[in-house]
PDB file of N, CA and C in Angstrom:
ATOM      1  N   MET A   1       4.755 -14.153  -1.250  1.00  0.00           N
ATOM      2  CA  MET A   1       5.566 -13.596  -0.398  1.00  0.00           C
ATOM      3  C   MET A   1       5.332 -11.989  -0.826  1.00  0.00           C
ATOM      4  N   PRO A   2       5.139 -10.967  -0.049  1.00  0.00           N
ATOM      5  CA  PRO A   2       4.886  -9.721  -0.340  1.00  0.00           C
ATOM      6  C   PRO A   2       6.204  -9.054  -0.802  1.00  0.00           C
ATOM      7  N   ARG A   3       6.549  -8.363  -1.566  1.00  0.00           N
ATOM      8  CA  ARG A   3       7.458  -7.184  -1.990  1.00  0.00           C
ATOM      9  C   ARG A   3       7.438  -5.822  -1.014  1.00  0.00           C
ATOM     10  N   TYR A   4       8.556  -5.354  -0.528  1.00  0.00           N
ATOM     11  CA  TYR A   4       8.525  -4.289   0.081  1.00  0.00           C
ATOM     12  C   TYR A   4       9.812  -3.274  -0.525  1.00  0.00           C
ATOM     13  N   GLU A   5       9.373  -2.207  -0.422  1.00  0.00           N
ATOM     14  CA  GLU A   5      10.450  -1.130  -1.210  1.00  0.00           C
ATOM     15  C   GLU A   5      10.814  -0.212  -0.436  1.00  0.00           C
ATOM     16  N   TYR A   6      12.384  -0.188  -0.444  1.00  0.00           N
ATOM     17  CA  TYR A   6      13.385   0.755   0.404  1.00  0.00           C
ATOM     18  C   TYR A   6      13.972   1.543  -0.407  1.00  0.00           C
ATOM     19  N   ARG A   7      14.556   2.789   0.447  1.00  0.00           N
ATOM     20  CA  ARG A   7      15.777   3.535   0.076  1.00  0.00           C
ATOM     21  C   ARG A   7      16.723   3.531   0.692  1.00  0.00           C
ATOM     22  N   CYS A   8      17.952   3.820   0.076  1.00  0.00           N
ATOM     23  CA  CYS A   8      19.070   3.558   0.555  1.00  0.00           C
ATOM     24  C   CYS A   8      19.260   5.229   1.014  1.00  0.00           C
ATOM     25  N   ARG A   9      19.592   5.635   2.059  1.00  0.00           N
ATOM     26  CA  ARG A   9      19.838   6.938   2.643  1.00  0.00           C
ATOM     27  C   ARG A   9      21.202   7.466   2.212  1.00  0.00           C
ATOM     28  N   THR A  10      22.162   6.591   2.058  1.00  0.00           N
ATOM     29  CA  THR A  10      23.258   6.813   1.794  1.00  0.00           C
ATOM     30  C   THR A  10      23.538   7.129   0.375  1.00  0.00           C
ATOM     31  N   CYS A  11      23.197   6.200  -0.697  1.00  0.00           N
ATOM     32  CA  CYS A  11      23.361   6.547  -2.090  1.00  0.00           C
ATOM     33  C   CYS A  11      22.190   6.675  -2.735  1.00  0.00           C
ATOM     34  N   GLY A  12      20.891   6.922  -2.042  1.00  0.00           N
ATOM     35  CA  GLY A  12      19.594   7.167  -2.776  1.00  0.00           C
ATOM     36  C   GLY A  12      19.191   6.006  -3.408  1.00  0.00           C
ATOM     37  N   GLU A  13      19.587   4.848  -3.696  1.00  0.00           N
ATOM     38  CA  GLU A  13      19.005   3.813  -4.488  1.00  0.00           C
ATOM     39  C   GLU A  13      17.808   3.289  -3.637  1.00  0.00           C
ATOM     40  N   THR A  14      16.815   3.045  -4.736  1.00  0.00           N
ATOM     41  CA  THR A  14      15.567   2.432  -4.275  1.00  0.00           C
ATOM     42  C   THR A  14      15.642   1.106  -4.774  1.00  0.00           C
ATOM     43  N   PHE A  15      15.456  -0.078  -3.775  1.00  0.00           N
ATOM     44  CA  PHE A  15      15.024  -1.344  -4.259  1.00  0.00           C
ATOM     45  C   PHE A  15      14.137  -1.928  -3.453  1.00  0.00           C
ATOM     46  N   GLU A  16      13.623  -3.210  -4.085  1.00  0.00           N
ATOM     47  CA  GLU A  16      12.700  -4.115  -3.271  1.00  0.00           C
ATOM     48  C   GLU A  16      13.049  -5.257  -2.811  1.00  0.00           C
ATOM     49  N   LEU A  17      12.527  -5.868  -1.830  1.00  0.00           N
ATOM     50  CA  LEU A  17      12.986  -7.173  -1.317  1.00  0.00           C
ATOM     51  C   LEU A  17      11.657  -7.795  -0.853  1.00  0.00           C
ATOM     52  N   SER A  18      11.812  -9.267  -1.272  1.00  0.00           N
ATOM     53  CA  SER A  18      10.576 -10.344  -0.766  1.00  0.00           C
ATOM     54  C   SER A  18      10.949 -10.752   0.658  1.00  0.00           C
ATOM     55  N   ARG A  19       9.970 -10.711   1.211  1.00  0.00           N
ATOM     56  CA  ARG A  19      10.348 -11.226   2.727  1.00  0.00           C
ATOM     57  C   ARG A  19       8.521 -11.384   3.512  1.00  0.00           C
ATOM     58  N   PRO A  20       8.662 -11.894   4.164  1.00  0.00           N
ATOM     59  CA  PRO A  20       7.559 -12.228   4.917  1.00  0.00           C
ATOM     60  C   PRO A  20       6.880 -11.079   5.836  1.00  0.00           C
ATOM     61  N   MET A  21       5.661 -10.902   6.037  1.00  0.00           N
ATOM     62  CA  MET A  21       5.386  -9.716   6.695  1.00  0.00           C
ATOM     63  C   MET A  21       5.585  -9.430   7.738  1.00  0.00           C
ATOM     64  N   ALA A  22       6.021 -10.617   8.781  1.00  0.00           N
ATOM     65  CA  ALA A  22       6.598 -10.218   9.932  1.00  0.00           C
ATOM     66  C   ALA A  22       7.813  -9.781   9.739  1.00  0.00           C
ATOM     67  N   ARG A  23       8.594  -9.980   9.033  1.00  0.00           N
ATOM     68  CA  ARG A  23      10.018  -9.387   8.778  1.00  0.00           C
ATOM     69  C   ARG A  23      10.092  -7.889   7.984  1.00  0.00           C
ATOM     70  N   SER A  24       8.774  -7.234   7.767  1.00  0.00           N
ATOM     71  CA  SER A  24       8.876  -5.924   6.857  1.00  0.00           C
ATOM     72  C   SER A  24       9.574  -4.962   7.384  1.00  0.00           C
ATOM     73  N   ALA A  25       9.594  -5.043   8.804  1.00  0.00           N
ATOM     74  CA  ALA A  25      10.449  -4.048   9.516  1.00  0.00           C
ATOM     75  C   ALA A  25      11.588  -4.213   9.945  1.00  0.00           C
ATOM     76  N   ASP A  26      12.198  -5.358   9.759  1.00  0.00           N
ATOM     77  CA  ASP A  26      13.582  -5.636   9.852  1.00  0.00           C
ATOM     78  C   ASP A  26      14.510  -4.545   8.868  1.00  0.00           C
ATOM     79  N   PRO A  27      15.616  -4.353   9.294  1.00  0.00           N
ATOM     80  CA  PRO A  27      16.694  -3.543   8.820  1.00  0.00           C
ATOM     81  C   PRO A  27      17.183  -4.273   7.602  1.00  0.00           C
ATOM     82  N   ALA A  28      17.245  -3.460   6.416  1.00  0.00           N
ATOM     83  CA  ALA A  28      17.592  -3.896   4.881  1.00  0.00           C
ATOM     84  C   ALA A  28      19.104  -3.496   4.401  1.00  0.00           C
ATOM     85  N   ASP A  29      19.580  -3.750   4.164  1.00  0.00           N
ATOM     86  CA  ASP A  29      20.963  -3.507   3.286  1.00  0.00           C
ATOM     87  C   ASP A  29      20.919  -2.858   1.622  1.00  0.00           C
ATOM     88  N   CYS A  30      21.037  -2.174   1.341  1.00  0.00           N
ATOM     89  CA  CYS A  30      20.865  -2.022  -0.116  1.00  0.00           C
ATOM     90  C   CYS A  30      21.759  -2.502  -0.798  1.00  0.00           C
ATOM     91  N   PRO A  31      21.774  -2.722  -2.222  1.00  0.00           N
ATOM     92  CA  PRO A  31      22.324  -3.692  -3.029  1.00  0.00           C
ATOM     93  C   PRO A  31      23.950  -3.099  -2.882  1.00  0.00           C
ATOM     94  N   ALA A  32      24.320  -1.840  -2.617  1.00  0.00           N
ATOM     95  CA  ALA A  32      25.406  -1.207  -2.439  1.00  0.00           C
ATOM     96  C   ALA A  32      26.267  -1.706  -1.137  1.00  0.00           C
ATOM     97  N   GLY A  33      25.426  -2.311  -0.110  1.00  0.00           N
ATOM     98  CA  GLY A  33      25.902  -2.742   0.954  1.00  0.00           C
ATOM     99  C   GLY A  33      26.052  -1.685   2.103  1.00  0.00           C
ATOM    100  N   HIS A  34      25.173  -0.379   1.910  1.00  0.00           N
ATOM    101  CA  HIS A  34      25.120   0.669   2.768  1.00  0.00           C
ATOM    102  C   HIS A  34      23.901   0.030   3.765  1.00  0.00           C
ATOM    103  N   ASP A  35      23.733   0.218   4.963  1.00  0.00           N
ATOM    104  CA  ASP A  35      22.841  -0.133   6.105  1.00  0.00           C
ATOM    105  C   ASP A  35      21.809   0.864   6.384  1.00  0.00           C
ATOM    106  N   ASP A  36      21.973   2.152   6.061  1.00  0.00           N
ATOM    107  CA  ASP A  36      21.067   3.169   6.392  1.00  0.00           C
ATOM    108  C   ASP A  36      20.140   3.525   5.379  1.00  0.00           C
ATOM    109  N   THR A  37      18.939   2.711   5.682  1.00  0.00           N
ATOM    110  CA  THR A  37      17.696   2.299   4.576  1.00  0.00           C
ATOM    111  C   THR A  37      16.371   2.671   5.382  1.00  0.00           C
ATOM    112  N   VAL A  38      15.459   3.192   4.605  1.00  0.00           N
ATOM    113  CA  VAL A  38      14.097   3.175   5.208  1.00  0.00           C
ATOM    114  C   VAL A  38      13.383   2.440   4.124  1.00  0.00           C
ATOM    115  N   LYS A  39      12.174   1.968   5.033  1.00  0.00           N
ATOM    116  CA  LYS A  39      11.077   1.171   4.221  1.00  0.00           C
ATOM    117  C   LYS A  39      10.090   2.346   3.535  1.00  0.00           C
ATOM    118  N   LEU A  40       9.882   2.136   2.206  1.00  0.00           N
ATOM    119  CA  LEU A  40       8.975   3.275   1.639  1.00  0.00           C
ATOM    120  C   LEU A  40       7.627   2.570   1.921  1.00  0.00           C
ATOM    121  N   LEU A  41       6.540   3.862   2.143  1.00  0.00           N
ATOM    122  CA  LEU A  41       5.254   3.563   1.615  1.00  0.00           C
ATOM    123  C   LEU A  41       4.752   3.141   0.524  1.00  0.00           C
ATOM    124  N   SER A  42       4.372   1.857   0.194  1.00  0.00           N
ATOM    125  CA  SER A  42       3.735   1.449  -1.364  1.00  0.00           C
ATOM    126  C   SER A  42       2.367   1.565  -1.179  1.00  0.00           C
ATOM    127  N   THR A  43       1.794   1.689  -2.484  1.00  0.00           N
ATOM    128  CA  THR A  43       0.350   1.893  -2.957  1.00  0.00           C
ATOM    129  C   THR A  43       0.071   0.676  -3.602  1.00  0.00           C
ATOM    130  N   VAL A  44      -0.914   0.523  -3.583  1.00  0.00           N
ATOM    131  CA  VAL A  44      -1.458  -1.018  -4.515  1.00  0.00           C
ATOM    132  C   VAL A  44      -2.667  -0.232  -5.594  1.00  0.00           C
ATOM    133  N   ALA A  45      -2.374  -0.699  -6.897  1.00  0.00           N
ATOM    134  CA  ALA A  45      -3.358  -0.196  -7.780  1.00  0.00           C
ATOM    135  C   ALA A  45      -3.754  -1.350  -8.063  1.00  0.00           C
ATOM    136  N   VAL A  46      -5.330  -1.175  -8.223  1.00  0.00           N
ATOM    137  CA  VAL A  46      -6.396  -2.579  -8.750  1.00  0.00           C
ATOM    138  C   VAL A  46      -6.849  -1.999 -10.073  1.00  0.00           C
ATOM    139  N   GLY A  47      -6.941  -2.543 -10.849  1.00  0.00           N
ATOM    140  CA  GLY A  47      -7.274  -2.442 -12.339  1.00  0.00           C
ATOM    141  C   GLY A  47      -8.188  -3.421 -12.813  1.00  0.00           C
ATOM    142  N   GLY A  48      -9.040  -3.047 -13.594  1.00  0.00           N
ATOM    143  CA  GLY A  48      -9.871  -4.119 -14.384  1.00  0.00           C
ATOM    144  C   GLY A  48     -10.504  -3.418 -15.334  1.00  0.00           C
ATOM    145  N   THR A  49     -11.709  -4.247 -16.042  1.00  0.00           N
ATOM    146  CA  THR A  49     -12.256  -3.285 -16.997  1.00  0.00           C
ATOM    147  C   THR A  49     -13.642  -3.441 -16.529  1.00  0.00           C
ATOM    148  N   LYS A  50     -14.087  -4.123 -15.370  1.00  0.00           N
ATOM    149  CA  LYS A  50     -15.695  -3.918 -15.125  1.00  0.00           C
ATOM    150  C   LYS A  50     -15.675  -2.911 -13.776  1.00  0.00           C
ATOM    151  N   SER A  51     -16.976  -2.183 -13.585  1.00  0.00           N
ATOM    152  CA  SER A  51     -16.854  -1.544 -12.183  1.00  0.00           C
ATOM    153  C   SER A  51     -18.259  -2.334 -11.504  1.00  0.00           C
ATOM    154  N   ALA A  52     -18.309  -2.015 -10.625  1.00  0.00           N
ATOM    155  CA  ALA A  52     -19.530  -2.282  -9.671  1.00  0.00           C
ATOM    156  C   ALA A  52     -20.650  -1.817  -9.893  1.00  0.00           C
ATOM    157  N   PRO A  53     -21.982  -2.215 -10.056  1.00  0.00           N
ATOM    158  CA  PRO A  53     -22.978  -1.549 -10.332  1.00  0.00           C
ATOM    159  C   PRO A  53     -22.955  -0.732  -9.241  1.00  0.00           C
ATOM    160  N   ALA A  54     -23.872   0.460  -9.825  1.00  0.00           N
ATOM    161  CA  ALA A  54     -24.252   1.615  -8.982  1.00  0.00           C
ATOM    162  C   ALA A  54     -25.270   1.338  -7.871  1.00  0.00           C
ATOM    163  N   PRO A  55     -25.341   1.656  -6.698  1.00  0.00           N
ATOM    164  CA  PRO A  55     -26.264   1.442  -5.810  1.00  0.00           C
ATOM    165  C   PRO A  55     -27.694   1.707  -6.424  1.00  0.00           C
ATOM    166  N   GLN A  56     -28.866   1.193  -6.173  1.00  0.00           N
ATOM    167  CA  GLN A  56     -30.136   1.568  -6.569  1.00  0.00           C
ATOM    168  C   GLN A  56     -30.360   2.265  -5.111  1.00  0.00           C
ATOM    169  N   GLY A  57     -31.680   3.222  -5.529  1.00  0.00           N
ATOM    170  CA  GLY A  57     -32.013   3.973  -4.288  1.00  0.00           C
ATOM    171  C   GLY A  57     -33.139   3.409  -3.596  1.00  0.00           C
ATOM    172  N   GLY A  58     -33.650   3.634  -2.573  1.00  0.00           N
ATOM    173  CA  GLY A  58     -34.966   3.028  -1.668  1.00  0.00           C
ATOM    174  C   GLY A  58     -34.172   2.461  -0.632  1.00  0.00           C
ATOM    175  N   GLY A  59     -33.387   2.948   0.105  1.00  0.00           N
ATOM    176  CA  GLY A  59     -32.993   2.054   1.214  1.00  0.00           C
ATOM    177  C   GLY A  59     -31.828   1.798   1.434  1.00  0.00           C
ATOM    178  N   GLY A  60     -31.656   1.109   2.257  1.00  0.00           N
ATOM    179  CA  GLY A  60     -30.109   0.305   2.384  1.00  0.00           C
ATOM    180  C   GLY A  60     -28.692   1.370   3.103  1.00  0.00           C
ATOM    181  N   GLY A  61     -27.918   0.665   3.378  1.00  0.00           N
ATOM    182  CA  GLY A  61     -26.888   1.388   3.955  1.00  0.00           C
ATOM    183  C   GLY A  61     -25.856   2.374   3.311  1.00  0.00           C
ATOM    184  N   GLY A  62     -24.990   2.846   3.655  1.00  0.00           N
ATOM    185  CA  GLY A  62     -24.196   3.627   3.126  1.00  0.00           C
ATOM    186  C   GLY A  62     -24.226   5.212   3.463  1.00  0.00           C
ATOM    187  N   GLY A  63     -23.594   6.125   2.667  1.00  0.00           N
ATOM    188  CA  GLY A  63     -23.655   7.607   3.349  1.00  0.00           C
ATOM    189  C   GLY A  63     -23.064   7.683   4.478  1.00  0.00           C
ATOM    190  N   CYS A  64     -23.141   9.044   4.495  1.00  0.00           N
ATOM    191  CA  CYS A  64     -22.296   9.142   6.400  1.00  0.00           C
ATOM    192  C   CYS A  64     -22.984   8.950   7.542  1.00  0.00           C
ATOM    193  N   CYS A  65     -24.604   8.806   7.428  1.00  0.00           N
ATOM    194  CA  CYS A  65     -25.001   8.378   8.381  1.00  0.00           C
ATOM    195  C   CYS A  65     -26.115   6.909   8.369  1.00  0.00           C
ATOM    196  N   GLY A  66     -25.192   6.062   7.699  1.00  0.00           N
ATOM    197  CA  GLY A  66     -26.012   4.837   7.611  1.00  0.00           C
ATOM    198  C   GLY A  66     -26.990   4.553   6.384  1.00  0.00           C
ATOM    199  N   GLY A  67     -27.449   5.917   5.784  1.00  0.00           N
ATOM    200  CA  GLY A  67     -28.541   5.754   5.194  1.00  0.00           C
ATOM    201  C   GLY A  67     -28.585   6.897   3.920  1.00  0.00           C
ATOM    202  N   GLY A  68     -27.810   7.945   4.272  1.00  0.00           N
ATOM    203  CA  GLY A  68     -27.681   9.394   3.359  1.00  0.00           C
ATOM    204  C   GLY A  68     -27.140  10.403   4.412  1.00  0.00           C
ATOM    205  N   CYS A  69     -26.637  11.375   3.843  1.00  0.00           N
ATOM    206  CA  CYS A  69     -25.906  12.372   3.917  1.00  0.00           C
ATOM    207  C   CYS A  69     -26.710  13.085   4.868  1.00  0.00           C
ATOM    208  N   CYS A  70     -26.103  13.884   5.941  1.00  0.00           N
ATOM    209  CA  CYS A  70     -26.716  14.288   7.198  1.00  0.00           C
ATOM    210  C   CYS A  70     -26.480  15.952   6.805  1.00  0.00           C
ATOM    211  N   GLY A  71     -26.518  16.433   5.685  1.00  0.00           N
ATOM    212  CA  GLY A  71     -26.505  17.961   5.099  1.00  0.00           C
ATOM    213  C   GLY A  71     -26.357  18.753   6.300  1.00  0.00           C
TER     214      GLY A  71
END
């Protein structure tokens, strides 16, 4: 189940809730009981030790025009 981050406008507390995506916009009470909260925009960091191989020249898609930049 996804976790969403919220901030209480009354006390400034930031907290997380696990809830289904369909309920992500539902109102959320802060742990102190205040109901004036806002859902924060969360970013996802993906890490790893390997990177994708660089594309080889000579055709193929990519770039801003489907094959190269349109300088």
